[in-house]
Structure formats: structure tokens, C-alpha cells
Amino acid sequence: MKAKFFFTVMALLFAFLLTACGGSSDTQTEADPGADAGDQGEEAPAEGGGSYSIDIGYINATDSETDLGAQKFKELIEERTGGELTVNIFANAQLGGERDLLEGMSLQTVDMVITGDAIFGMFAPEYSGLSLPFLIKDTDHLDRVLDGEVGDEINAAINESLNSRILDYWHRGPRNLTANTEIRTPDDLNGMKLRVPEIPLVVEAWKILGANPTPMAFDQLYVALEQKTVDGQENPLDMIYTSKLHEVQNYVMTTQHLIAPMVVVINNDTFESFPEEMQAQVVEAIEEAGTYQKQLVKENEEIYRQQIIDDGTTIIDDVDRDAFAKKLEESNIVEQFQGEWAPDLVERIRAAE
């Protein structure tokens, strides 16, 4: 009898120990994803401790104007909500290219995206006309367009397409051409393989100008230039410098052919999950961070220019911009696309000048 009692007690004790070990293993498994997060890339964030969180993704590099604007938003919103809302930042295309990010946002695998004008061509093609080179003259012209009727229509189209909410439009420097050969006129393009965003209008525009455009996600660009899959590309100076594209290009031509915004957009379900007061704080903090970011864009253009020169890349200013603009103007590109665009889109954009 004593032996039976002894073995019963031992069996119960053994079962208890197994259960305890199993609980410890579960706890360790849950901790692993947090440990792995640091391996995702530069500036991969730790999980925040607040009741609410926002994961922000963008293709721009760490310390770019977009990244610094996002860091400012993180600082402001975490302070104003007392840590109730935490922000995790994924720069450097850690979560993929622009299409990956925007599709992920619509599925809530990322909460907020800061993206360029590619969003129009991808998810509101009726407004892709904003990406027509030489159409927008400067950032004041751009702001008038986006703050007016056209901007309201764009917001509605994007938000419906992606189940999103556009929170603000930030600035970026004008796009410039880079290559390993000097380019001053459209004739100099001479069939050059040029990486362009995945926007049909932009592809056609560069065909007309004389290049051989290759649509490609930004996160593939550096390697493509390094391996000479493409010969050139076009982007603002801050992206050229912070993404180190000038390291694999000999020349930067200041074509300044496109003035476009950075679009700050959040998943609508994520936004509406916040209490009303927090929603207002998010909007206010994004707009304040946008003011800071826009000032950086103004101040940094000359700084990036000098850093590119100091690193040994030649900047060519005597580009015949009028020749590029005239070649597009004399083509039928507007007539070719205007049937796909919102009514009188180009005329309304020009009227805001």
C-alpha cells in the first residue's frame, strides 16, 4: 500500500514538473520575435509599451528628410500621449518597396506609410498626371494644387482604394537625373537604360525624351546600378545622397524635372481604433512634424549637393531644361493619357500656378 502511495505521489510530482517546464518554454517562444526584430535592419525598433502603437514604413534611408520627419512625429506623439501611443519606425525599405508598403498598409501589416507620388499612379491612376515632368513649377504651386479641389479628389480616391486616410503632404526636393555619362539634352539620353518608378505615365515620358525606361522598385535600385542592369535613375538629392546612389553614378544632372510630395497615409481602421482625443493628437503631431520636415528640405538641398560633390560625383548644372520640357510639350503625351485622368486634370493643375 505504501509503495502504491509513493508511486502515485511521484507521478503527480512528475506531471507538475512537466507542466511547469512547458510554461517556461511558451514564455521563451513569445520573447523570440522581439529579439529577432533587431535583425530586420538599421534602426529596427523594439516593441513599444503603450496601449496603442503605429508601425511606420518607408523606402527612404535613415537620416533622410523623411526619416527625420518621422522621428519628429514619434517624439511628439509619444510625449503628448504620455507613452500611450508608441511609434515603431522601419526605414530603408525594410518592409519592401512602395507597392509592398501600400498594399501591406491596406491589409494592416503596417499601419502608416510615407511615400512619394508613385502612390497616385499605383492606386489612383486618374490622378497620375501629377507625375508629369515639368508640370508642377515649385512647392508653392504643388501646395496650392493639393490644398484645393484636386487635392480633395485625390484624398478621396486614395482613401477609397486603400481603406486609408491621408494625414498630410510633406515636401521633397526636385527630382534630378543621374548617370555614368554626361547628359545635357534629350539627345544625350540616346536609349540609356533608366530606372523609373512603376508609373505608366513616367515610363512613357522618358521614352519620349529618348531613354529606355525600366520600371523597378526602389529597394532594387542600388544593386541594379552597381551591376549595370540600368545605367541611370532620377530622384531628389536627399535620396541620391542618403541612399548612396551617387557612389555608383558618375554624374548628377540638375534637371529638376519633377516637383512632387511625400504622402503621409495611415490605415483607416488603425486610425479609427484610437480614442478621438488621440486621433486629434496624431493629426496635429503629423502636421507639426511636416512643418519641420519641409524646413529641412529647404535647408538641406545645398548641403546634400556639396556632400555629393565632396564624395567625388560631378554635378552638371548647364542642363537644357527647356529642351526636355519642349520635347514633352510637343508630344501627344497629355492626349494619350487624359482619357484615363480625372476631367481637365492638367488644366486645373496649370490653373493653380
Protein backbone atom coordinates (compact mmCIF):
# COMPACT_ATOMS: atom_id res chain seq x y z
CA MET A 1 0.00 0.00 0.00
CA LYS A 2 2.85 2.30 0.95
CA ALA A 3 4.59 1.57 -2.33
CA LYS A 4 1.41 2.36 -4.28
CA PHE A 5 1.03 5.65 -2.43
CA PHE A 6 4.69 6.51 -3.08
CA PHE A 7 4.43 5.94 -6.83
CA THR A 8 1.18 7.92 -7.01
CA VAL A 9 2.84 10.91 -5.35
CA MET A 10 5.87 10.64 -7.63
CA ALA A 11 3.66 10.52 -10.74
CA LEU A 12 1.78 13.64 -9.66
CA LEU A 13 5.05 15.44 -8.94
CA PHE A 14 6.48 14.46 -12.35
CA ALA A 15 3.34 15.72 -14.11
CA PHE A 16 3.59 19.02 -12.26
CA LEU A 17 7.22 19.47 -13.30
CA LEU A 18 6.37 18.78 -16.95
CA THR A 19 3.62 21.41 -16.86
CA ALA A 20 5.95 23.97 -15.29
CA CYS A 21 8.63 23.35 -17.93
CA GLY A 22 6.06 23.69 -20.69
CA GLY A 23 5.01 27.12 -19.37
CA SER A 24 8.60 28.31 -19.33
CA SER A 25 9.07 27.21 -22.94
CA ASP A 26 5.98 29.14 -24.08
CA THR A 27 7.26 32.29 -22.44
CA GLN A 28 10.60 31.96 -24.20
CA THR A 29 8.90 31.42 -27.59
CA GLU A 30 6.87 34.62 -27.20
CA ALA A 31 10.04 36.58 -26.45
CA ASP A 32 11.85 35.41 -29.59
CA PRO A 33 10.06 37.69 -32.14
CA GLY A 34 11.12 40.73 -30.15
CA ALA A 35 14.70 39.52 -30.15
CA ASP A 36 14.60 38.91 -33.90
CA ALA A 37 13.23 42.39 -34.63
CA GLY A 38 16.69 43.87 -34.19
CA ASP A 39 17.92 41.81 -37.14
CA GLN A 40 15.49 43.36 -39.64
CA GLY A 41 17.86 46.18 -40.50
CA GLU A 42 19.14 49.52 -39.43
CA GLU A 43 17.03 51.22 -36.76
CA ALA A 44 14.69 48.23 -36.34
CA PRO A 45 12.58 49.22 -33.33
CA ALA A 46 11.74 47.41 -30.14
CA GLU A 47 8.08 46.89 -29.32
CA GLY A 48 6.56 49.86 -27.54
CA GLY A 49 4.93 49.59 -24.14
CA GLY A 50 1.85 51.75 -24.70
CA SER A 51 -1.77 50.72 -25.16
CA TYR A 52 -1.65 51.72 -28.85
CA SER A 53 1.09 51.57 -31.46
CA ILE A 54 1.84 52.66 -35.02
CA ASP A 55 4.32 50.88 -37.29
CA ILE A 56 5.58 53.33 -39.94
CA GLY A 57 7.35 52.15 -43.10
CA TYR A 58 9.04 53.97 -45.97
CA ILE A 59 11.77 53.38 -48.54
CA ASN A 60 13.80 56.45 -47.57
CA ALA A 61 17.11 55.99 -45.80
CA THR A 62 17.92 56.61 -42.17
CA ASP A 63 18.65 60.32 -41.58
CA SER A 64 16.88 61.37 -44.78
CA GLU A 65 14.45 64.26 -44.53
CA THR A 66 11.53 61.82 -44.49
CA ASP A 67 13.15 59.76 -41.74
CA LEU A 68 13.86 62.84 -39.63
CA GLY A 69 10.25 63.94 -40.07
CA ALA A 70 9.05 60.52 -38.91
CA GLN A 71 11.40 60.67 -35.92
CA LYS A 72 9.96 64.07 -35.04
CA PHE A 73 6.42 62.64 -35.21
CA LYS A 74 7.46 59.77 -32.92
CA GLU A 75 8.94 62.21 -30.42
CA LEU A 76 5.88 64.48 -30.44
CA ILE A 77 3.13 61.85 -30.25
CA GLU A 78 4.80 59.71 -27.60
CA GLU A 79 5.35 62.78 -25.44
CA ARG A 80 1.83 64.15 -25.89
CA THR A 81 0.11 60.83 -25.21
CA GLY A 82 2.33 60.08 -22.23
CA GLY A 83 3.53 56.92 -23.92
CA GLU A 84 0.02 55.58 -24.53
CA LEU A 85 0.76 55.65 -28.27
CA THR A 86 4.16 54.34 -29.32
CA VAL A 87 5.71 54.54 -32.79
CA ASN A 88 7.95 51.92 -34.42
CA ILE A 89 9.90 53.10 -37.47
CA PHE A 90 11.03 50.90 -40.37
CA ALA A 91 13.22 52.95 -42.74
CA ASN A 92 15.40 51.82 -45.66
CA ALA A 93 12.67 49.75 -47.36
CA GLN A 94 12.91 47.19 -44.52
CA LEU A 95 9.29 46.26 -45.21
CA GLY A 96 9.61 46.37 -49.01
CA GLY A 97 9.17 48.83 -51.86
CA GLU A 98 6.40 51.39 -52.16
CA ARG A 99 3.84 48.99 -53.63
CA ASP A 100 4.63 46.40 -50.92
CA LEU A 101 4.22 49.02 -48.22
CA LEU A 102 0.96 50.44 -49.52
CA GLU A 103 -0.61 47.04 -50.12
CA GLY A 104 0.60 46.00 -46.67
CA MET A 105 -1.00 49.07 -45.14
CA SER A 106 -4.35 48.21 -46.72
CA LEU A 107 -4.03 44.76 -45.07
CA GLN A 108 -2.81 46.27 -41.75
CA THR A 109 0.56 44.54 -41.82
CA VAL A 110 1.94 48.08 -41.50
CA ASP A 111 -0.09 50.97 -40.08
CA MET A 112 1.33 54.08 -41.71
CA VAL A 113 3.36 54.72 -44.87
CA ILE A 114 5.24 57.78 -46.05
CA THR A 115 5.54 57.52 -49.82
CA GLY A 116 6.20 59.55 -52.93
CA ASP A 117 4.00 60.35 -55.90
CA ALA A 118 4.10 56.69 -57.01
CA ILE A 119 1.00 56.26 -54.84
CA PHE A 120 -1.02 58.20 -57.44
CA GLY A 121 -0.01 56.03 -60.39
CA MET A 122 -0.42 52.80 -58.42
CA PHE A 123 -3.65 53.38 -56.53
CA ALA A 124 -5.34 56.46 -58.04
CA PRO A 125 -4.27 56.40 -61.71
CA GLU A 126 -6.88 59.01 -62.58
CA TYR A 127 -4.55 61.47 -60.77
CA SER A 128 -1.22 60.15 -62.03
CA GLY A 129 -0.95 63.33 -64.10
CA LEU A 130 0.73 64.94 -61.09
CA SER A 131 3.80 62.89 -62.05
CA LEU A 132 4.08 64.53 -65.50
CA PRO A 133 7.57 66.08 -65.68
CA PHE A 134 7.74 69.89 -65.71
CA LEU A 135 4.02 70.27 -64.90
CA ILE A 136 4.40 71.46 -61.29
CA LYS A 137 6.62 74.54 -61.16
CA ASP A 138 7.61 74.72 -57.47
CA THR A 139 6.47 73.68 -53.99
CA ASP A 140 4.12 76.67 -53.68
CA HIS A 141 2.36 75.54 -56.87
CA LEU A 142 2.26 71.99 -55.51
CA ASP A 143 0.73 73.12 -52.21
CA ARG A 144 -1.98 75.10 -53.98
CA VAL A 145 -2.91 72.02 -56.02
CA LEU A 146 -3.01 69.68 -53.03
CA ASP A 147 -4.81 72.16 -50.76
CA GLY A 148 -7.53 72.71 -53.37
CA GLU A 149 -10.18 70.79 -55.27
CA VAL A 150 -7.71 68.43 -56.94
CA GLY A 151 -6.20 67.55 -53.57
CA ASP A 152 -9.63 66.79 -52.11
CA GLU A 153 -10.37 64.47 -55.03
CA ILE A 154 -7.01 62.72 -54.65
CA ASN A 155 -7.59 62.16 -50.95
CA ALA A 156 -10.99 60.60 -51.61
CA ALA A 157 -9.65 58.34 -54.39
CA ILE A 158 -6.63 57.11 -52.41
CA ASN A 159 -8.61 56.59 -49.23
CA GLU A 160 -11.25 54.54 -51.03
CA SER A 161 -8.67 52.47 -52.90
CA LEU A 162 -6.55 51.62 -49.84
CA ASN A 163 -9.01 51.92 -46.93
CA SER A 164 -6.77 54.70 -45.72
CA ARG A 165 -6.68 58.28 -44.53
CA ILE A 166 -4.20 60.79 -45.95
CA LEU A 167 -2.94 62.75 -42.96
CA ASP A 168 -0.64 65.27 -44.63
CA TYR A 169 1.51 66.10 -47.64
CA TRP A 170 5.18 66.73 -46.94
CA HIS A 171 7.81 68.11 -49.33
CA ARG A 172 10.83 66.69 -51.07
CA GLY A 173 13.48 68.21 -53.31
CA PRO A 174 13.05 68.26 -57.09
CA ARG A 175 13.95 65.07 -58.93
CA ASN A 176 17.26 65.07 -60.82
CA LEU A 177 18.82 62.69 -63.30
CA THR A 178 21.94 60.61 -62.54
CA ALA A 179 24.07 58.56 -64.94
CA ASN A 180 27.60 57.47 -65.76
CA THR A 181 27.68 59.75 -68.81
CA GLU A 182 27.06 63.49 -69.12
CA ILE A 183 23.52 64.39 -70.19
CA ARG A 184 22.57 67.94 -71.10
CA THR A 185 19.86 67.49 -73.75
CA PRO A 186 17.30 64.80 -74.60
CA ASP A 187 19.56 63.67 -77.47
CA ASP A 188 22.21 62.70 -74.92
CA LEU A 189 19.90 60.06 -73.43
CA ASN A 190 20.30 58.00 -76.61
CA GLY A 191 18.44 54.92 -75.39
CA MET A 192 20.04 54.87 -71.94
CA LYS A 193 18.56 52.25 -69.60
CA LEU A 194 16.91 54.42 -66.97
CA ARG A 195 15.27 53.13 -63.81
CA VAL A 196 11.89 54.79 -63.28
CA PRO A 197 9.03 54.28 -60.79
CA GLU A 198 6.29 51.81 -61.70
CA ILE A 199 4.02 54.50 -63.20
CA PRO A 200 2.93 54.16 -66.88
CA LEU A 201 2.93 57.94 -67.41
CA VAL A 202 6.52 58.25 -66.20
CA VAL A 203 7.61 55.31 -68.36
CA GLU A 204 6.07 56.93 -71.45
CA ALA A 205 7.51 60.36 -70.63
CA TRP A 206 11.07 59.05 -70.54
CA LYS A 207 10.53 57.07 -73.74
CA ILE A 208 9.52 60.31 -75.44
CA LEU A 209 12.60 62.04 -74.02
CA GLY A 210 14.85 59.37 -75.55
CA ALA A 211 15.63 56.95 -72.72
CA ASN A 212 14.92 53.24 -72.42
CA PRO A 213 12.93 53.34 -69.15
CA THR A 214 12.95 50.32 -66.84
CA PRO A 215 10.24 50.26 -64.13
CA MET A 216 11.77 48.97 -60.91
CA ALA A 217 11.07 49.10 -57.17
CA PHE A 218 13.40 51.45 -55.31
CA ASP A 219 14.74 48.75 -52.99
CA GLN A 220 16.30 47.04 -56.04
CA LEU A 221 17.90 50.18 -57.45
CA TYR A 222 21.33 50.36 -55.82
CA VAL A 223 22.26 46.82 -56.85
CA ALA A 224 20.85 47.39 -60.35
CA LEU A 225 23.09 50.45 -60.77
CA GLU A 226 26.08 48.67 -59.27
CA GLN A 227 25.65 45.68 -61.58
CA LYS A 228 24.81 47.96 -64.54
CA THR A 229 21.40 46.38 -65.06
CA VAL A 230 20.38 50.01 -65.53
CA ASP A 231 22.59 52.96 -66.44
CA GLY A 232 20.84 55.77 -64.60
CA GLN A 233 17.94 56.87 -62.44
CA GLU A 234 16.18 60.03 -61.24
CA ASN A 235 15.48 61.13 -57.67
CA PRO A 236 15.82 64.12 -55.33
CA LEU A 237 19.28 64.94 -53.99
CA ASP A 238 18.43 63.75 -50.49
CA MET A 239 17.57 60.26 -51.76
CA ILE A 240 20.58 60.22 -54.08
CA TYR A 241 22.88 61.02 -51.16
CA THR A 242 21.32 59.19 -48.20
CA SER A 243 20.74 56.03 -50.29
CA LYS A 244 24.32 56.34 -51.61
CA LEU A 245 23.24 56.22 -55.25
CA HIS A 246 25.96 58.74 -56.12
CA GLU A 247 28.52 56.10 -55.17
CA VAL A 248 27.55 54.10 -58.26
CA GLN A 249 26.94 57.06 -60.60
CA ASN A 250 29.47 59.50 -62.04
CA TYR A 251 27.17 62.45 -62.76
CA VAL A 252 24.15 64.20 -61.30
CA MET A 253 22.29 66.41 -63.79
CA THR A 254 20.09 69.06 -62.13
CA THR A 255 17.15 68.56 -64.47
CA GLN A 256 14.71 69.39 -61.64
CA HIS A 257 12.05 67.82 -63.82
CA LEU A 258 9.52 66.88 -61.15
CA ILE A 259 8.23 68.59 -58.01
CA ALA A 260 6.20 66.04 -56.06
CA PRO A 261 5.02 65.48 -52.48
CA MET A 262 5.70 62.91 -49.83
CA VAL A 263 2.31 61.49 -48.84
CA VAL A 264 1.67 60.52 -45.20
CA VAL A 265 -1.10 57.94 -45.13
CA ILE A 266 -2.48 55.67 -42.39
CA ASN A 267 -4.79 52.65 -42.44
CA ASN A 268 -8.25 53.98 -41.64
CA ASP A 269 -9.18 51.11 -39.31
CA THR A 270 -5.99 51.71 -37.33
CA PHE A 271 -6.74 55.42 -37.10
CA GLU A 272 -10.33 54.88 -36.01
CA SER A 273 -9.23 52.41 -33.33
CA PHE A 274 -7.68 55.34 -31.44
CA PRO A 275 -9.77 57.40 -29.00
CA GLU A 276 -10.98 60.69 -30.50
CA GLU A 277 -8.54 62.78 -28.49
CA MET A 278 -5.65 60.60 -29.67
CA GLN A 279 -6.81 60.89 -33.30
CA ALA A 280 -6.60 64.67 -32.99
CA GLN A 281 -3.16 64.38 -31.41
CA VAL A 282 -1.95 62.19 -34.28
CA VAL A 283 -3.13 64.68 -36.91
CA GLU A 284 -1.61 67.61 -35.03
CA ALA A 285 1.72 65.84 -34.49
CA ILE A 286 1.96 64.75 -38.15
CA GLU A 287 1.31 68.31 -39.35
CA GLU A 288 3.85 69.72 -36.90
CA ALA A 289 6.40 67.12 -37.98
CA GLY A 290 5.57 68.08 -41.58
CA THR A 291 6.42 71.72 -40.90
CA TYR A 292 9.76 70.58 -39.50
CA GLN A 293 10.37 68.24 -42.46
CA LYS A 294 9.55 70.94 -45.03
CA GLN A 295 12.07 73.28 -43.41
CA LEU A 296 14.70 70.54 -43.62
CA VAL A 297 14.02 70.18 -47.35
CA LYS A 298 14.67 73.91 -47.84
CA GLU A 299 17.82 73.93 -45.75
CA ASN A 300 19.39 70.67 -46.89
CA GLU A 301 19.32 70.92 -50.69
CA GLU A 302 22.62 72.80 -50.85
CA ILE A 303 24.11 70.61 -48.10
CA TYR A 304 23.36 67.39 -49.99
CA ARG A 305 24.68 68.95 -53.17
CA GLN A 306 28.02 69.76 -51.55
CA GLN A 307 28.27 66.32 -49.91
CA ILE A 308 27.74 64.65 -53.28
CA ILE A 309 30.49 66.81 -54.80
CA ASP A 310 32.82 66.12 -51.86
CA ASP A 311 32.33 62.38 -52.43
CA GLY A 312 33.66 62.75 -55.97
CA THR A 313 30.49 62.82 -58.09
CA THR A 314 30.24 65.61 -60.67
CA ILE A 315 27.14 67.80 -60.68
CA ILE A 316 26.14 69.26 -64.06
CA ASP A 317 24.01 72.40 -63.89
CA ASP A 318 24.07 73.54 -67.51
CA VAL A 319 21.26 71.18 -68.48
CA ASP A 320 18.93 72.41 -71.21
CA ARG A 321 15.73 72.01 -69.17
CA ASP A 322 13.74 73.90 -71.79
CA ALA A 323 14.69 71.29 -74.40
CA PHE A 324 13.40 68.48 -72.16
CA ALA A 325 10.18 70.36 -71.35
CA LYS A 326 9.64 71.33 -75.00
CA LYS A 327 10.03 67.76 -76.24
CA LEU A 328 7.30 66.61 -73.85
CA GLU A 329 5.12 69.62 -74.65
CA GLU A 330 5.31 68.90 -78.37
CA SER A 331 4.45 65.23 -77.90
CA ASN A 332 0.93 63.85 -77.52
CA ILE A 333 1.54 62.52 -74.02
CA VAL A 334 -1.28 64.51 -72.42
CA GLU A 335 -3.73 63.46 -75.13
CA GLN A 336 -2.53 59.88 -74.74
CA PHE A 337 -3.40 59.74 -71.03
CA GLN A 338 -6.10 62.33 -70.48
CA GLY A 339 -8.86 59.81 -71.20
CA GLU A 340 -7.69 57.92 -68.10
CA TRP A 341 -7.38 61.03 -65.93
CA ALA A 342 -9.93 62.99 -63.94
CA PRO A 343 -11.69 65.65 -66.05
CA ASP A 344 -9.47 68.60 -67.01
CA LEU A 345 -6.77 67.44 -64.58
CA VAL A 346 -3.79 69.05 -66.31
CA GLU A 347 -5.70 72.27 -66.99
CA ARG A 348 -6.74 72.53 -63.33
CA ILE A 349 -3.18 71.89 -62.16
CA ARG A 350 -1.84 74.57 -64.51
CA ALA A 351 -4.53 77.00 -63.37
CA ALA A 352 -3.23 76.73 -59.79
CA GLU A 353 0.19 78.01 -60.87
